């Protein structure tokens, strides 16, 4: 009976340690969102104009989406949460920080989105190029 009690306590102890590790990792995920700017350069976008900021914001949004998909995919496998954290979380945090600074520069510069062209405008037909005829006569003699 004492051996069985000892075995149960060891199992519960291991389970408790695993649960504590899981809670610690989940705490890191929440904390990473608040410290994202610590992994980005705050002055990077100071000299960007609105056109450059618009392109950068789109690039950062695409990269954030890619990393999120990779993290989601990694989490479906065995040990996926750990793989996701180790392989992608740092990049994800850095990109989110950059996006936050780009967004601040966008607002500070009072930038506006470029309206998408719904239909490409056909260019006006160009007149044919007429080359002058070579002069004959006096130059040949």
N, C-alpha and C. Protein backbone atom coordinates (compact mmCIF):
# COMPACT_ATOMS: atom_id res chain seq x y z
N UNK A 1 0.82 -1.18 0.00
CA UNK A 1 0.00 0.00 0.00
C UNK A 1 0.87 1.25 0.00
N UNK A 2 1.95 1.24 0.79
CA UNK A 2 2.86 2.38 0.85
C UNK A 2 3.54 2.60 -0.49
N UNK A 3 3.89 1.49 -1.19
CA UNK A 3 4.52 1.60 -2.50
C UNK A 3 3.56 2.23 -3.50
N UNK A 4 2.32 1.86 -3.44
CA UNK A 4 1.32 2.41 -4.35
C UNK A 4 1.10 3.90 -4.09
N UNK A 5 1.10 4.31 -2.83
CA UNK A 5 0.95 5.72 -2.48
C UNK A 5 2.16 6.51 -2.97
N UNK A 6 3.34 5.95 -2.81
CA UNK A 6 4.56 6.59 -3.27
C UNK A 6 4.52 6.78 -4.79
N UNK A 7 4.06 5.77 -5.51
CA UNK A 7 3.96 5.84 -6.97
C UNK A 7 2.98 6.94 -7.39
N UNK A 8 1.87 7.03 -6.71
CA UNK A 8 0.86 8.05 -7.04
C UNK A 8 1.41 9.45 -6.80
N UNK A 9 2.15 9.64 -5.74
CA UNK A 9 2.71 10.95 -5.45
C UNK A 9 3.73 11.36 -6.51
N UNK A 10 4.55 10.39 -6.98
CA UNK A 10 5.51 10.69 -8.03
C UNK A 10 4.81 11.07 -9.32
N UNK A 11 3.76 10.36 -9.67
CA UNK A 11 3.00 10.67 -10.89
C UNK A 11 2.37 12.05 -10.79
N UNK A 12 1.79 12.34 -9.63
CA UNK A 12 1.17 13.65 -9.42
C UNK A 12 2.22 14.76 -9.43
N UNK A 13 3.39 14.46 -8.90
CA UNK A 13 4.48 15.44 -8.90
C UNK A 13 4.93 15.75 -10.32
N UNK A 14 5.06 14.72 -11.14
CA UNK A 14 5.43 14.91 -12.54
C UNK A 14 4.36 15.68 -13.29
N UNK A 15 3.11 15.35 -13.03
CA UNK A 15 2.00 16.05 -13.66
C UNK A 15 1.98 17.52 -13.24
N UNK A 16 2.24 17.77 -11.97
CA UNK A 16 2.28 19.14 -11.46
C UNK A 16 3.40 19.93 -12.13
N UNK A 17 4.56 19.31 -12.29
CA UNK A 17 5.69 19.98 -12.94
C UNK A 17 5.36 20.30 -14.39
N UNK A 18 4.70 19.36 -15.08
CA UNK A 18 4.31 19.58 -16.47
C UNK A 18 3.29 20.70 -16.56
N UNK A 19 2.35 20.73 -15.65
CA UNK A 19 1.34 21.79 -15.63
C UNK A 19 2.00 23.14 -15.36
N UNK A 20 2.94 23.19 -14.45
CA UNK A 20 3.64 24.44 -14.14
C UNK A 20 4.42 24.93 -15.35
N UNK A 21 5.06 24.03 -16.08
CA UNK A 21 5.80 24.42 -17.27
C UNK A 21 4.85 24.98 -18.33
N UNK A 22 3.70 24.35 -18.47
CA UNK A 22 2.71 24.84 -19.43
C UNK A 22 2.22 26.24 -19.08
N UNK A 23 1.99 26.47 -17.80
CA UNK A 23 1.56 27.79 -17.36
C UNK A 23 2.65 28.83 -17.60
N UNK A 24 3.90 28.44 -17.37
CA UNK A 24 5.01 29.36 -17.59
C UNK A 24 5.11 29.75 -19.06
N UNK A 25 4.96 28.77 -19.96
CA UNK A 25 5.01 29.07 -21.39
C UNK A 25 3.85 29.96 -21.81
N UNK A 26 2.66 29.71 -21.28
CA UNK A 26 1.53 30.54 -21.66
C UNK A 26 1.72 31.96 -21.14
N UNK A 27 2.36 32.12 -20.02
CA UNK A 27 2.67 33.45 -19.50
C UNK A 27 3.63 34.18 -20.41
N UNK A 28 4.59 33.46 -20.98
CA UNK A 28 5.55 34.07 -21.90
C UNK A 28 4.85 34.58 -23.15
N UNK A 29 3.87 33.84 -23.64
CA UNK A 29 3.17 34.25 -24.85
C UNK A 29 2.44 35.56 -24.61
N UNK A 30 1.82 35.72 -23.48
CA UNK A 30 1.13 36.96 -23.17
C UNK A 30 2.09 38.11 -22.99
N UNK A 31 3.21 37.84 -22.36
CA UNK A 31 4.20 38.86 -22.10
C UNK A 31 4.85 39.31 -23.41
N UNK A 32 5.02 38.41 -24.35
CA UNK A 32 5.71 38.74 -25.60
C UNK A 32 4.96 39.79 -26.39
N UNK A 33 3.66 39.83 -26.28
CA UNK A 33 2.89 40.83 -27.01
C UNK A 33 3.16 42.23 -26.47
N UNK A 34 3.42 42.34 -25.18
CA UNK A 34 3.64 43.66 -24.60
C UNK A 34 5.07 44.15 -24.77
N UNK A 35 6.01 43.25 -25.01
CA UNK A 35 7.40 43.65 -25.18
C UNK A 35 7.86 43.55 -26.63
N UNK A 36 6.93 43.48 -27.55
CA UNK A 36 7.28 43.33 -28.96
C UNK A 36 8.18 44.46 -29.45
N UNK A 37 7.94 45.67 -28.98
CA UNK A 37 8.73 46.80 -29.44
C UNK A 37 10.16 46.76 -28.93
N UNK A 38 10.44 45.94 -27.93
CA UNK A 38 11.81 45.83 -27.43
C UNK A 38 12.71 45.14 -28.45
N UNK A 39 12.13 44.42 -29.41
CA UNK A 39 12.90 43.70 -30.41
C UNK A 39 12.93 44.43 -31.76
N UNK A 40 12.53 45.69 -31.79
CA UNK A 40 12.50 46.44 -33.04
C UNK A 40 13.20 47.78 -32.84
N UNK A 41 13.65 48.35 -33.93
CA UNK A 41 14.35 49.64 -33.91
C UNK A 41 13.33 50.78 -33.97
N UNK A 42 13.22 51.58 -32.92
CA UNK A 42 12.21 52.64 -32.90
C UNK A 42 12.46 53.75 -33.92
N UNK A 43 13.69 53.93 -34.36
CA UNK A 43 13.99 55.01 -35.30
C UNK A 43 14.02 54.59 -36.75
N UNK A 44 13.72 53.34 -37.03
CA UNK A 44 13.84 52.82 -38.39
C UNK A 44 12.98 53.57 -39.39
N UNK A 45 11.80 54.00 -38.99
CA UNK A 45 10.85 54.59 -39.94
C UNK A 45 10.79 56.11 -39.86
N UNK A 46 11.72 56.73 -39.17
CA UNK A 46 11.71 58.19 -39.01
C UNK A 46 11.79 58.94 -40.34
N UNK A 47 12.57 58.45 -41.27
CA UNK A 47 12.78 59.17 -42.53
C UNK A 47 11.97 58.59 -43.69
N UNK A 48 11.08 57.65 -43.41
CA UNK A 48 10.26 57.07 -44.47
C UNK A 48 9.15 58.05 -44.85
N UNK A 49 8.87 58.13 -46.16
CA UNK A 49 7.70 58.91 -46.58
C UNK A 49 6.48 57.98 -46.62
N UNK A 50 5.32 58.53 -46.92
CA UNK A 50 4.09 57.73 -46.86
C UNK A 50 4.09 56.56 -47.84
N UNK A 51 4.66 56.76 -49.01
CA UNK A 51 4.71 55.68 -50.00
C UNK A 51 5.56 54.52 -49.48
N UNK A 52 6.70 54.84 -48.89
CA UNK A 52 7.56 53.81 -48.33
C UNK A 52 6.90 53.12 -47.14
N UNK A 53 6.23 53.89 -46.30
CA UNK A 53 5.54 53.31 -45.14
C UNK A 53 4.40 52.39 -45.57
N UNK A 54 3.70 52.78 -46.62
CA UNK A 54 2.60 51.94 -47.10
C UNK A 54 3.12 50.57 -47.56
N UNK A 55 4.20 50.58 -48.32
CA UNK A 55 4.80 49.33 -48.78
C UNK A 55 5.32 48.50 -47.61
N UNK A 56 5.95 49.16 -46.65
CA UNK A 56 6.51 48.45 -45.49
C UNK A 56 5.40 47.84 -44.63
N UNK A 57 4.31 48.58 -44.45
CA UNK A 57 3.19 48.06 -43.66
C UNK A 57 2.61 46.80 -44.31
N UNK A 58 2.49 46.81 -45.63
CA UNK A 58 1.97 45.63 -46.34
C UNK A 58 2.92 44.45 -46.20
N UNK A 59 4.21 44.71 -46.33
CA UNK A 59 5.21 43.66 -46.19
C UNK A 59 5.17 43.06 -44.78
N UNK A 60 5.09 43.91 -43.78
CA UNK A 60 5.07 43.44 -42.39
C UNK A 60 3.78 42.67 -42.09
N UNK A 61 2.66 43.12 -42.65
CA UNK A 61 1.40 42.40 -42.44
C UNK A 61 1.46 41.01 -43.06
N UNK A 62 2.05 40.92 -44.26
CA UNK A 62 2.20 39.63 -44.94
C UNK A 62 3.10 38.71 -44.13
N UNK A 63 4.23 39.24 -43.64
CA UNK A 63 5.17 38.43 -42.87
C UNK A 63 4.55 37.97 -41.55
N UNK A 64 3.80 38.84 -40.90
CA UNK A 64 3.12 38.47 -39.66
C UNK A 64 2.15 37.33 -39.91
N UNK A 65 1.40 37.44 -41.00
CA UNK A 65 0.44 36.39 -41.36
C UNK A 65 1.14 35.07 -41.65
N UNK A 66 2.26 35.12 -42.37
CA UNK A 66 3.03 33.91 -42.68
C UNK A 66 3.52 33.24 -41.40
N UNK A 67 4.09 34.03 -40.50
CA UNK A 67 4.62 33.46 -39.25
C UNK A 67 3.50 32.89 -38.40
N UNK A 68 2.34 33.56 -38.37
CA UNK A 68 1.22 33.05 -37.59
C UNK A 68 0.76 31.70 -38.15
N UNK A 69 0.71 31.58 -39.47
CA UNK A 69 0.32 30.31 -40.09
C UNK A 69 1.33 29.21 -39.78
N UNK A 70 2.61 29.55 -39.82
CA UNK A 70 3.65 28.56 -39.49
C UNK A 70 3.53 28.12 -38.04
N UNK A 71 3.26 29.06 -37.15
CA UNK A 71 3.11 28.72 -35.74
C UNK A 71 1.88 27.84 -35.52
N UNK A 72 0.78 28.18 -36.19
CA UNK A 72 -0.44 27.38 -36.07
C UNK A 72 -0.21 25.97 -36.59
N UNK A 73 0.50 25.87 -37.72
CA UNK A 73 0.78 24.56 -38.30
C UNK A 73 1.68 23.74 -37.38
N UNK A 74 2.69 24.37 -36.81
CA UNK A 74 3.61 23.65 -35.91
C UNK A 74 2.89 23.14 -34.68
N UNK A 75 1.91 23.88 -34.19
CA UNK A 75 1.21 23.50 -32.98
C UNK A 75 0.30 22.29 -33.17
N UNK A 76 0.05 21.90 -34.42
CA UNK A 76 -0.80 20.72 -34.65
C UNK A 76 -0.03 19.43 -34.47
N UNK A 77 1.29 19.47 -34.53
CA UNK A 77 2.10 18.27 -34.40
C UNK A 77 2.43 17.96 -32.95
N UNK A 78 3.10 16.81 -32.77
CA UNK A 78 3.53 16.41 -31.42
C UNK A 78 4.57 17.39 -30.92
N UNK A 79 4.36 17.91 -29.73
CA UNK A 79 5.29 18.88 -29.16
C UNK A 79 5.26 20.20 -29.91
N UNK A 80 4.17 20.44 -30.61
CA UNK A 80 4.08 21.60 -31.48
C UNK A 80 4.20 22.94 -30.80
N UNK A 81 3.66 23.06 -29.59
CA UNK A 81 3.73 24.34 -28.89
C UNK A 81 5.18 24.73 -28.64
N UNK A 82 5.99 23.76 -28.26
CA UNK A 82 7.40 24.02 -28.00
C UNK A 82 8.11 24.37 -29.31
N UNK A 83 7.84 23.61 -30.36
CA UNK A 83 8.45 23.88 -31.67
C UNK A 83 8.05 25.26 -32.15
N UNK A 84 6.79 25.60 -32.01
CA UNK A 84 6.29 26.91 -32.43
C UNK A 84 7.01 28.02 -31.69
N UNK A 85 7.14 27.87 -30.39
CA UNK A 85 7.82 28.89 -29.58
C UNK A 85 9.29 29.03 -29.98
N UNK A 86 9.97 27.91 -30.12
CA UNK A 86 11.40 27.95 -30.41
C UNK A 86 11.71 28.41 -31.82
N UNK A 87 10.91 27.98 -32.78
CA UNK A 87 11.23 28.24 -34.18
C UNK A 87 10.72 29.59 -34.68
N UNK A 88 9.56 30.04 -34.22
CA UNK A 88 8.93 31.19 -34.86
C UNK A 88 8.64 32.37 -33.94
N UNK A 89 8.54 32.17 -32.65
CA UNK A 89 8.06 33.23 -31.75
C UNK A 89 8.95 34.47 -31.79
N UNK A 90 10.27 34.32 -31.79
CA UNK A 90 11.15 35.49 -31.78
C UNK A 90 10.97 36.33 -33.03
N UNK A 91 10.90 35.68 -34.20
CA UNK A 91 10.67 36.41 -35.44
C UNK A 91 9.31 37.10 -35.41
N UNK A 92 8.32 36.40 -34.92
CA UNK A 92 6.97 36.95 -34.83
C UNK A 92 6.95 38.20 -33.95
N UNK A 93 7.61 38.13 -32.81
CA UNK A 93 7.66 39.27 -31.90
C UNK A 93 8.36 40.45 -32.56
N UNK A 94 9.49 40.20 -33.23
CA UNK A 94 10.24 41.27 -33.89
C UNK A 94 9.41 41.93 -34.99
N UNK A 95 8.73 41.13 -35.79
CA UNK A 95 7.91 41.68 -36.88
C UNK A 95 6.75 42.49 -36.31
N UNK A 96 6.14 42.00 -35.24
CA UNK A 96 5.05 42.76 -34.61
C UNK A 96 5.55 44.10 -34.07
N UNK A 97 6.75 44.11 -33.51
CA UNK A 97 7.33 45.36 -33.02
C UNK A 97 7.60 46.33 -34.15
N UNK A 98 8.16 45.83 -35.24
CA UNK A 98 8.40 46.68 -36.40
C UNK A 98 7.09 47.24 -36.94
N UNK A 99 6.07 46.40 -37.00
CA UNK A 99 4.77 46.84 -37.50
C UNK A 99 4.19 47.94 -36.60
N UNK A 100 4.40 47.82 -35.31
CA UNK A 100 3.90 48.83 -34.39
C UNK A 100 4.59 50.17 -34.63
N UNK A 101 5.91 50.16 -34.82
CA UNK A 101 6.63 51.40 -35.09
C UNK A 101 6.27 51.98 -36.46
N UNK A 102 6.07 51.12 -37.46
CA UNK A 102 5.66 51.60 -38.78
C UNK A 102 4.27 52.24 -38.70
N UNK A 103 3.40 51.65 -37.91
CA UNK A 103 2.04 52.19 -37.73
C UNK A 103 2.09 53.56 -37.03
N UNK A 104 2.95 53.69 -36.04
CA UNK A 104 3.11 54.98 -35.35
C UNK A 104 3.61 56.05 -36.32
N UNK A 105 4.60 55.71 -37.16
CA UNK A 105 5.13 56.66 -38.14
C UNK A 105 4.05 57.01 -39.16
N UNK A 106 3.23 56.04 -39.53
CA UNK A 106 2.12 56.26 -40.48
C UNK A 106 1.16 57.31 -39.91
N UNK A 107 0.79 57.14 -38.66
CA UNK A 107 -0.14 58.10 -38.02
C UNK A 107 0.53 59.46 -37.83
N UNK A 108 1.78 59.47 -37.41
CA UNK A 108 2.49 60.72 -37.16
C UNK A 108 2.61 61.53 -38.45
N UNK A 109 2.82 60.86 -39.58
CA UNK A 109 2.95 61.54 -40.87
C UNK A 109 1.61 61.83 -41.53
N UNK A 110 0.53 61.40 -40.88
CA UNK A 110 -0.84 61.59 -41.39
C UNK A 110 -0.99 61.01 -42.80
N UNK A 111 -0.48 59.82 -42.98
CA UNK A 111 -0.53 59.15 -44.28
C UNK A 111 -1.93 58.61 -44.54
N UNK A 112 -2.25 58.45 -45.82
CA UNK A 112 -3.52 57.87 -46.26
C UNK A 112 -3.22 56.72 -47.22
N UNK A 113 -4.09 55.71 -47.18
CA UNK A 113 -3.95 54.56 -48.08
C UNK A 113 -4.11 55.02 -49.52
N UNK A 114 -3.32 54.45 -50.41
CA UNK A 114 -3.49 54.70 -51.83
C UNK A 114 -4.70 53.91 -52.28
N UNK A 115 -5.69 54.57 -52.90
CA UNK A 115 -6.87 53.82 -53.32
C UNK A 115 -6.50 52.80 -54.39
N UNK A 116 -7.02 51.59 -54.25
CA UNK A 116 -6.71 50.58 -55.27
C UNK A 116 -7.42 50.91 -56.58
N UNK A 117 -6.74 50.65 -57.66
CA UNK A 117 -7.35 50.87 -58.97
C UNK A 117 -8.26 49.71 -59.29
N UNK A 118 -9.56 49.97 -59.30
CA UNK A 118 -10.53 48.90 -59.56
C UNK A 118 -10.39 48.40 -60.99
N UNK A 119 -10.26 49.31 -61.92
CA UNK A 119 -10.07 48.91 -63.32
C UNK A 119 -8.84 49.62 -63.84
N UNK A 120 -7.95 48.90 -64.45
CA UNK A 120 -6.76 49.57 -64.99
C UNK A 120 -7.18 50.51 -66.11
N UNK A 121 -6.66 51.71 -66.06
CA UNK A 121 -7.00 52.69 -67.08
C UNK A 121 -6.22 52.41 -68.35
N UNK A 122 -6.97 52.37 -69.45
CA UNK A 122 -6.32 52.16 -70.74
C UNK A 122 -5.65 53.46 -71.13
N UNK A 123 -4.44 53.37 -71.57
CA UNK A 123 -3.75 54.59 -71.98
C UNK A 123 -4.33 55.06 -73.30
N UNK A 124 -4.28 56.35 -73.49
CA UNK A 124 -4.81 56.92 -74.74
C UNK A 124 -3.95 56.43 -75.89
N UNK A 125 -4.58 56.17 -77.04
CA UNK A 125 -3.79 55.70 -78.18
C UNK A 125 -2.76 56.75 -78.58
N UNK A 126 -1.58 56.29 -78.83
CA UNK A 126 -0.50 57.18 -79.22
C UNK A 126 -0.50 57.35 -80.73
N UNK A 127 -0.25 58.57 -81.20
CA UNK A 127 -0.17 58.76 -82.66
C UNK A 127 1.06 58.05 -83.19
N UNK A 128 0.98 57.59 -84.43
CA UNK A 128 2.15 56.90 -85.00
C UNK A 128 3.33 57.86 -85.13
N UNK A 129 4.50 57.31 -84.97
CA UNK A 129 5.71 58.11 -85.09
C UNK A 129 6.06 58.20 -86.57
N UNK A 130 6.17 59.44 -87.05
CA UNK A 130 6.50 59.65 -88.47
C UNK A 130 7.93 60.15 -88.53
N UNK A 131 8.74 59.38 -89.22
CA UNK A 131 10.14 59.76 -89.37
C UNK A 131 10.25 60.62 -90.62
N UNK A 132 11.05 61.66 -90.55
CA UNK A 132 11.20 62.49 -91.76
C UNK A 132 11.91 61.70 -92.85
N UNK A 133 11.48 61.95 -94.05
CA UNK A 133 12.09 61.27 -95.20
C UNK A 133 13.48 61.82 -95.40
N UNK A 134 14.40 60.95 -95.82
CA UNK A 134 15.77 61.45 -96.07
C UNK A 134 15.77 62.46 -97.21
N UNK A 135 16.61 63.45 -97.08
CA UNK A 135 16.71 64.48 -98.12
C UNK A 135 17.48 63.91 -99.30
N UNK A 136 16.94 64.16 -100.47
CA UNK A 136 17.62 63.67 -101.66
C UNK A 136 18.14 64.84 -102.46
N UNK A 137 19.08 64.54 -103.22
CA UNK A 137 19.53 65.56 -104.15
C UNK A 137 20.84 66.17 -103.77
N UNK A 138 20.85 67.31 -103.11
CA UNK A 138 22.04 68.13 -102.91
C UNK A 138 23.11 67.46 -102.07
N UNK A 139 22.77 66.66 -101.13
CA UNK A 139 23.75 66.04 -100.25
C UNK A 139 24.46 64.91 -100.96
N UNK A 140 23.82 64.28 -101.93
CA UNK A 140 24.42 63.13 -102.61
C UNK A 140 25.44 63.58 -103.63
N UNK A 141 25.42 64.79 -104.12
CA UNK A 141 26.33 65.22 -105.18
C UNK A 141 27.60 65.62 -104.65
